[in-house]
Amino acid sequence: MKIRVIFLRKKLIFSLILIILTTTALTTTIKHKNITTFNLLTPNKTIQKDLTGDGKEDTMNINNVDNKYMVTIKSKKDKFTLKNKDNENFLGMYNGYWPINVRFVDINRDKTPEIFIQCSQYNMPVQYIYHWQDKKFKNIHVSNNNILGFMDYNNNKTPKVICGNIADNTICFDSFIFMEDKLQRFNYNFEEGFMGSNTVLSFINYIKSLPEGEEDKPKDIFMPSIDNRDVAVMGNLVKDNNIYTFEDASFKDIKNNDKGDTLEIKWSLNFKGSCKNNDNNVKNYNIDLLLMYNKKDENDPYKFKIYSINLN
């Protein structure tokens, strides 16, 4: 009888552990789904997602109208058109080498995602952020920055939106949090190499130097364990014999420790590739970088190093 009781207790404990592990895994999965991204070069796209918080899927249509992006959202009862900063019904210009990037991020964790859009207008980057408020989509931020980042979505800290700009071989950042239905700027100490920015800037400069600068590949921005297949991506860019122009980028932290410190980051970079032998041959190159915190050498200026390169 005692043996049976002990067995049942062990079975109960095992079941409880299994439930806890399953719940933890599901929670982790849900957290990583807080950011949904669409990087689009196609002129027309339909996306199904609940954008109004009523638990029912809405329909977002992204259409090319006279080489301009028009974004409309149809809910169960209403239809909305996202406006630009001049209150016009288009958000940017359509072309085959600079994609429109649409993200759904719940920055205030109210189960209704905000809409983040990166695209180009007159060959300049443009960013828009929309928030569902008072039964309409309110434009809460517009800028011409070429970097959009997200921090603290996988931990218990307050989620942060980071806007940045690469110019004159430097990156300048600005930080925002969502408060009182507004995106509000707050002071943040951006240390050298914030979110691997110095590593990414070095990588961008290298890509821009190709194909002539192939031999000048920086060696101190990569993890020693990086796979040869990832390194080969850069070799393929050389073979394409293009002039590469940086367009825009985005990043997000994808792994944190128990203290909420960032351990891994994903950067997504867009370049325009112009064929050196044919001016009419121009296309987009979207490159994803995965960076890992480098804890071996505290004196190394590159705190985050690249361990994965993927050409989409």
Protein backbone atom coordinates (compact mmCIF):
# COMPACT_ATOMS: atom_id res chain seq x y z
CA MET A 1 0.00 0.00 0.00
CA LYS A 2 2.83 2.38 0.93
CA ILE A 3 4.59 1.54 -2.30
CA ARG A 4 1.45 2.43 -4.28
CA VAL A 5 1.10 5.79 -2.44
CA ILE A 6 4.74 6.66 -3.12
CA PHE A 7 4.29 5.70 -6.77
CA LEU A 8 1.18 7.90 -7.10
CA ARG A 9 2.95 10.82 -5.46
CA LYS A 10 5.89 10.48 -7.84
CA LYS A 11 3.48 10.31 -10.74
CA LEU A 12 1.69 13.46 -9.51
CA ILE A 13 4.99 15.32 -9.08
CA PHE A 14 6.09 14.28 -12.57
CA SER A 15 2.77 15.50 -14.01
CA LEU A 16 3.13 18.87 -12.25
CA ILE A 17 6.68 19.30 -13.55
CA LEU A 18 5.50 18.47 -17.07
CA ILE A 19 2.69 21.04 -16.83
CA ILE A 20 5.09 23.72 -15.59
CA LEU A 21 7.60 23.03 -18.38
CA THR A 22 4.85 23.05 -21.01
CA THR A 23 3.43 26.32 -19.69
CA THR A 24 6.90 27.88 -19.69
CA ALA A 25 7.51 26.77 -23.26
CA LEU A 26 4.16 28.16 -24.40
CA THR A 27 4.82 31.45 -22.61
CA THR A 28 8.20 31.74 -24.31
CA THR A 29 6.61 31.02 -27.69
CA ILE A 30 3.92 33.65 -27.14
CA LYS A 31 6.51 36.24 -26.15
CA HIS A 32 8.47 35.70 -29.33
CA LYS A 33 5.25 36.07 -31.34
CA ASN A 34 4.72 39.57 -29.94
CA ILE A 35 6.55 40.91 -33.00
CA THR A 36 5.21 39.85 -36.40
CA THR A 37 7.09 41.11 -39.46
CA PHE A 38 6.37 41.29 -43.19
CA ASN A 39 9.18 42.44 -45.49
CA LEU A 40 7.45 42.98 -48.83
CA LEU A 41 8.65 43.66 -52.36
CA THR A 42 5.40 42.53 -53.97
CA PRO A 43 3.07 45.35 -55.05
CA ASN A 44 0.00 43.88 -53.34
CA LYS A 45 -0.42 41.94 -50.10
CA THR A 46 -3.30 40.95 -47.82
CA ILE A 47 -2.69 40.27 -44.12
CA GLN A 48 -5.22 38.80 -41.68
CA LYS A 49 -4.74 39.90 -38.06
CA ASP A 50 -6.74 41.30 -35.15
CA LEU A 51 -5.73 44.98 -35.16
CA THR A 52 -8.66 46.45 -33.23
CA GLY A 53 -8.60 44.28 -30.11
CA ASP A 54 -12.04 42.72 -30.49
CA GLY A 55 -10.70 39.19 -30.85
CA LYS A 56 -11.67 38.98 -34.53
CA GLU A 57 -9.34 39.07 -37.50
CA ASP A 58 -9.20 42.28 -39.50
CA THR A 59 -7.97 42.52 -43.09
CA MET A 60 -5.04 44.74 -44.01
CA ASN A 61 -4.55 45.36 -47.72
CA ILE A 62 -1.27 46.82 -48.98
CA ASN A 63 -1.72 47.96 -52.58
CA ASN A 64 0.36 49.67 -55.21
CA VAL A 65 -1.64 52.61 -56.56
CA ASP A 66 0.24 54.71 -59.12
CA ASN A 67 3.56 53.46 -57.67
CA LYS A 68 2.53 54.52 -54.16
CA TYR A 69 1.68 52.28 -51.22
CA MET A 70 -1.90 52.53 -49.98
CA VAL A 71 -2.65 50.63 -46.77
CA THR A 72 -6.28 49.97 -45.84
CA ILE A 73 -7.69 48.01 -42.91
CA LYS A 74 -11.15 46.49 -42.95
CA SER A 75 -12.72 45.46 -39.65
CA LYS A 76 -16.10 43.83 -39.16
CA LYS A 77 -17.90 47.18 -39.30
CA ASP A 78 -15.52 49.81 -40.71
CA LYS A 79 -12.80 50.49 -43.24
CA PHE A 80 -9.74 52.65 -42.54
CA THR A 81 -6.95 54.09 -44.68
CA LEU A 82 -3.64 54.83 -43.01
CA LYS A 83 -2.59 58.45 -43.58
CA ASN A 84 0.89 59.91 -44.02
CA LYS A 85 2.19 63.01 -42.22
CA ASP A 86 0.42 65.25 -44.76
CA ASN A 87 -2.88 63.43 -44.19
CA GLU A 88 -2.70 61.83 -47.63
CA ASN A 89 -3.79 58.29 -48.42
CA PHE A 90 -0.35 56.90 -49.27
CA LEU A 91 2.64 56.00 -47.11
CA GLY A 92 5.58 55.68 -49.48
CA MET A 93 6.76 54.89 -52.98
CA TYR A 94 6.70 51.43 -54.51
CA ASN A 95 9.83 50.16 -56.23
CA GLY A 96 11.53 46.83 -56.71
CA TYR A 97 14.64 47.51 -54.65
CA TRP A 98 13.32 49.09 -51.43
CA PRO A 99 10.66 46.99 -49.65
CA ILE A 100 7.88 48.14 -47.39
CA ASN A 101 8.32 46.58 -43.96
CA VAL A 102 5.22 46.09 -41.81
CA ARG A 103 5.43 45.03 -38.16
CA PHE A 104 2.76 44.38 -35.58
CA VAL A 105 4.11 44.98 -32.08
CA ASP A 106 2.10 45.23 -28.87
CA ILE A 107 4.27 47.93 -27.30
CA ASN A 108 1.94 48.60 -24.35
CA ARG A 109 0.94 44.94 -23.88
CA ASP A 110 -2.80 45.59 -24.08
CA LYS A 111 -3.29 42.72 -26.58
CA THR A 112 -3.85 45.18 -29.44
CA PRO A 113 -0.74 45.58 -31.60
CA GLU A 114 0.61 48.88 -32.85
CA ILE A 115 1.49 49.06 -36.55
CA PHE A 116 5.07 49.94 -37.52
CA ILE A 117 5.86 50.71 -41.15
CA GLN A 118 9.22 51.32 -42.82
CA CYS A 119 9.40 52.25 -46.48
CA SER A 120 10.83 54.91 -48.78
CA GLN A 121 9.56 58.16 -50.20
CA TYR A 122 11.52 59.97 -52.91
CA ASN A 123 14.47 57.62 -52.17
CA MET A 124 14.49 58.64 -48.52
CA PRO A 125 13.62 56.35 -45.59
CA VAL A 126 10.37 56.98 -43.75
CA GLN A 127 8.86 55.44 -40.61
CA TYR A 128 5.27 55.44 -39.37
CA ILE A 129 3.73 54.15 -36.14
CA TYR A 130 -0.06 53.75 -35.74
CA HIS A 131 -2.02 53.13 -32.55
CA TRP A 132 -5.66 51.98 -32.28
CA GLN A 133 -7.44 54.63 -30.21
CA ASP A 134 -10.99 56.00 -30.11
CA LYS A 135 -12.06 53.53 -32.80
CA LYS A 136 -9.50 54.74 -35.34
CA PHE A 137 -5.84 54.27 -36.23
CA LYS A 138 -3.94 57.26 -34.94
CA ASN A 139 -0.58 58.21 -36.45
CA ILE A 140 1.61 58.65 -33.34
CA HIS A 141 5.06 58.90 -34.91
CA VAL A 142 6.64 59.88 -38.23
CA SER A 143 10.34 60.22 -38.99
CA ASN A 144 12.96 59.87 -41.72
CA ASN A 145 15.20 57.64 -39.61
CA ASN A 146 16.62 54.53 -41.22
CA ILE A 147 16.75 52.28 -38.12
CA LEU A 148 13.85 50.92 -36.09
CA GLY A 149 14.46 48.76 -33.04
CA PHE A 150 12.61 46.98 -30.25
CA MET A 151 13.92 46.19 -26.77
CA ASP A 152 12.68 44.31 -23.71
CA TYR A 153 9.88 42.32 -25.32
CA ASN A 154 11.13 39.01 -23.94
CA ASN A 155 11.49 40.04 -20.31
CA ASN A 156 9.56 41.86 -17.57
CA LYS A 157 10.98 45.31 -18.32
CA THR A 158 9.01 48.09 -20.00
CA PRO A 159 9.09 47.56 -23.80
CA LYS A 160 11.06 50.23 -25.65
CA VAL A 161 11.02 51.55 -29.20
CA ILE A 162 14.38 52.70 -30.55
CA CYS A 163 14.65 54.96 -33.59
CA GLY A 164 18.04 55.58 -35.12
CA ASN A 165 19.86 56.99 -38.07
CA ILE A 166 23.08 56.03 -39.83
CA ALA A 167 24.86 59.02 -41.32
CA ASP A 168 28.50 60.07 -41.71
CA ASN A 169 29.71 56.69 -40.44
CA THR A 170 27.94 57.07 -37.09
CA ILE A 171 24.66 55.87 -35.59
CA CYS A 172 22.49 58.16 -33.49
CA PHE A 173 19.67 56.70 -31.41
CA ASP A 174 16.50 58.02 -29.81
CA SER A 175 14.44 56.06 -27.26
CA PHE A 176 10.68 55.94 -26.68
CA ILE A 177 8.18 54.24 -24.39
CA PHE A 178 4.42 54.11 -24.72
CA MET A 179 2.58 56.07 -22.01
CA GLU A 180 -0.90 57.58 -21.87
CA ASP A 181 -1.71 56.57 -25.45
CA LYS A 182 1.40 58.37 -26.70
CA LEU A 183 4.90 57.45 -27.75
CA GLN A 184 7.02 59.49 -25.37
CA ARG A 185 10.73 60.16 -25.58
CA PHE A 186 12.84 59.29 -22.54
CA ASN A 187 16.52 59.60 -21.67
CA TYR A 188 18.56 56.45 -22.18
CA ASN A 189 22.28 55.92 -21.80
CA PHE A 190 23.34 54.59 -25.20
CA GLU A 191 26.71 53.00 -24.53
CA GLU A 192 29.30 52.37 -27.22
CA GLY A 193 28.16 49.39 -29.25
CA PHE A 194 24.56 49.61 -28.02
CA MET A 195 22.67 46.52 -29.27
CA GLY A 196 25.69 45.58 -31.37
CA SER A 197 25.45 48.80 -33.40
CA ASN A 198 29.22 49.16 -33.87
CA THR A 199 29.41 45.58 -35.15
CA VAL A 200 26.54 46.19 -37.56
CA LEU A 201 27.96 49.51 -38.75
CA SER A 202 31.27 47.79 -39.52
CA PHE A 203 29.40 45.09 -41.45
CA ILE A 204 27.38 47.68 -43.40
CA ASN A 205 30.53 49.58 -44.34
CA TYR A 206 32.12 46.37 -45.56
CA ILE A 207 29.14 45.49 -47.77
CA LYS A 208 29.15 49.02 -49.18
CA SER A 209 32.83 48.59 -50.10
CA LEU A 210 32.19 45.51 -52.26
CA PRO A 211 33.32 44.18 -54.62
CA GLU A 212 36.60 46.15 -54.54
CA GLY A 213 36.91 45.97 -50.75
CA GLU A 214 36.55 42.18 -50.50
CA GLU A 215 39.98 41.73 -48.93
CA ASP A 216 39.25 44.31 -46.21
CA LYS A 217 36.70 42.14 -44.41
CA PRO A 218 36.71 43.00 -40.69
CA LYS A 219 37.69 39.94 -38.68
CA ASP A 220 36.87 41.09 -35.17
CA ILE A 221 33.09 41.40 -35.64
CA PHE A 222 32.44 37.67 -36.18
CA MET A 223 32.20 34.84 -33.68
CA PRO A 224 34.98 32.26 -34.19
CA SER A 225 32.32 29.57 -34.51
CA ILE A 226 30.51 31.20 -37.46
CA ASP A 227 29.70 28.64 -40.13
CA ASN A 228 31.44 28.76 -43.52
CA ARG A 229 28.03 28.83 -45.18
CA ASP A 230 27.31 32.13 -43.45
CA VAL A 231 30.65 33.57 -44.50
CA ALA A 232 29.92 32.46 -48.08
CA VAL A 233 26.99 34.91 -48.20
CA MET A 234 29.48 37.77 -48.41
CA GLY A 235 31.37 35.96 -51.16
CA ASN A 236 28.16 35.65 -53.17
CA LEU A 237 27.61 39.40 -52.86
CA VAL A 238 31.08 39.92 -54.33
CA LYS A 239 30.28 37.60 -57.26
CA ASP A 240 27.12 39.57 -58.05
CA ASN A 241 29.41 42.52 -58.89
CA ASN A 242 27.06 45.20 -57.59
CA ILE A 243 27.38 48.60 -56.02
CA TYR A 244 25.62 48.25 -52.66
CA THR A 245 23.74 51.13 -51.06
CA PHE A 246 22.38 50.87 -47.53
CA GLU A 247 18.63 51.60 -47.29
CA ASP A 248 17.28 50.84 -43.81
CA ALA A 249 17.48 48.40 -40.91
CA SER A 250 15.63 47.02 -37.92
CA PHE A 251 16.61 45.07 -34.82
CA LYS A 252 15.14 43.30 -31.82
CA ASP A 253 16.50 41.42 -28.81
CA ILE A 254 15.71 37.72 -29.10
CA LYS A 255 17.28 36.31 -25.94
CA ASN A 256 17.79 37.68 -22.42
CA ASN A 257 19.22 36.36 -19.18
CA ASP A 258 17.35 36.23 -15.86
CA LYS A 259 18.31 39.85 -15.14
CA GLY A 260 16.82 41.02 -18.43
CA ASP A 261 20.21 41.71 -20.04
CA THR A 262 20.37 41.16 -23.79
CA LEU A 263 22.26 38.05 -24.90
CA GLU A 264 21.26 37.78 -28.57
CA ILE A 265 20.00 40.27 -31.15
CA LYS A 266 18.58 39.99 -34.64
CA TRP A 267 19.32 42.73 -37.16
CA SER A 268 17.67 42.92 -40.58
CA LEU A 269 19.39 45.08 -43.21
CA ASN A 270 18.18 46.27 -46.62
CA PHE A 271 20.57 47.18 -49.41
CA LYS A 272 20.04 48.30 -52.97
CA GLY A 273 22.24 46.36 -55.36
CA SER A 274 23.01 48.16 -58.64
CA CYS A 275 24.74 46.06 -61.28
CA LYS A 276 28.03 47.65 -62.36
CA ASN A 277 27.55 46.40 -65.92
CA ASN A 278 23.86 47.23 -66.34
CA ASP A 279 22.27 50.36 -64.87
CA ASN A 280 18.80 48.88 -65.33
CA ASN A 281 19.58 45.82 -63.21
CA VAL A 282 18.72 46.97 -59.68
CA LYS A 283 17.32 44.80 -56.89
CA ASN A 284 16.94 44.50 -53.13
CA TYR A 285 19.22 42.50 -50.86
CA ASN A 286 17.77 41.72 -47.44
CA ILE A 287 20.34 40.36 -44.98
CA ASP A 288 19.55 39.00 -41.52
CA LEU A 289 22.31 39.02 -38.91
CA LEU A 290 22.24 37.19 -35.58
CA LEU A 291 24.52 38.62 -32.90
CA MET A 292 25.63 37.03 -29.65
CA TYR A 293 27.04 38.68 -26.54
CA ASN A 294 30.80 38.17 -26.39
CA LYS A 295 31.82 37.58 -22.79
CA LYS A 296 35.36 36.29 -23.37
CA ASP A 297 37.14 39.64 -23.58
CA GLU A 298 35.80 42.61 -21.63
CA ASN A 299 38.22 44.94 -23.44
CA ASP A 300 36.92 44.02 -26.88
CA PRO A 301 34.98 47.04 -28.25
CA TYR A 302 32.65 44.68 -30.13
CA LYS A 303 30.50 43.38 -27.28
CA PHE A 304 28.18 41.60 -29.70
CA LYS A 305 29.53 39.52 -32.56
CA ILE A 306 27.89 38.03 -35.64
CA TYR A 307 27.30 34.27 -35.55
CA SER A 308 24.81 33.93 -38.42
CA ILE A 309 24.33 35.65 -41.80
CA ASN A 310 21.32 34.92 -43.97
CA LEU A 311 20.51 36.41 -47.38
CA ASN A 312 16.74 36.33 -47.92
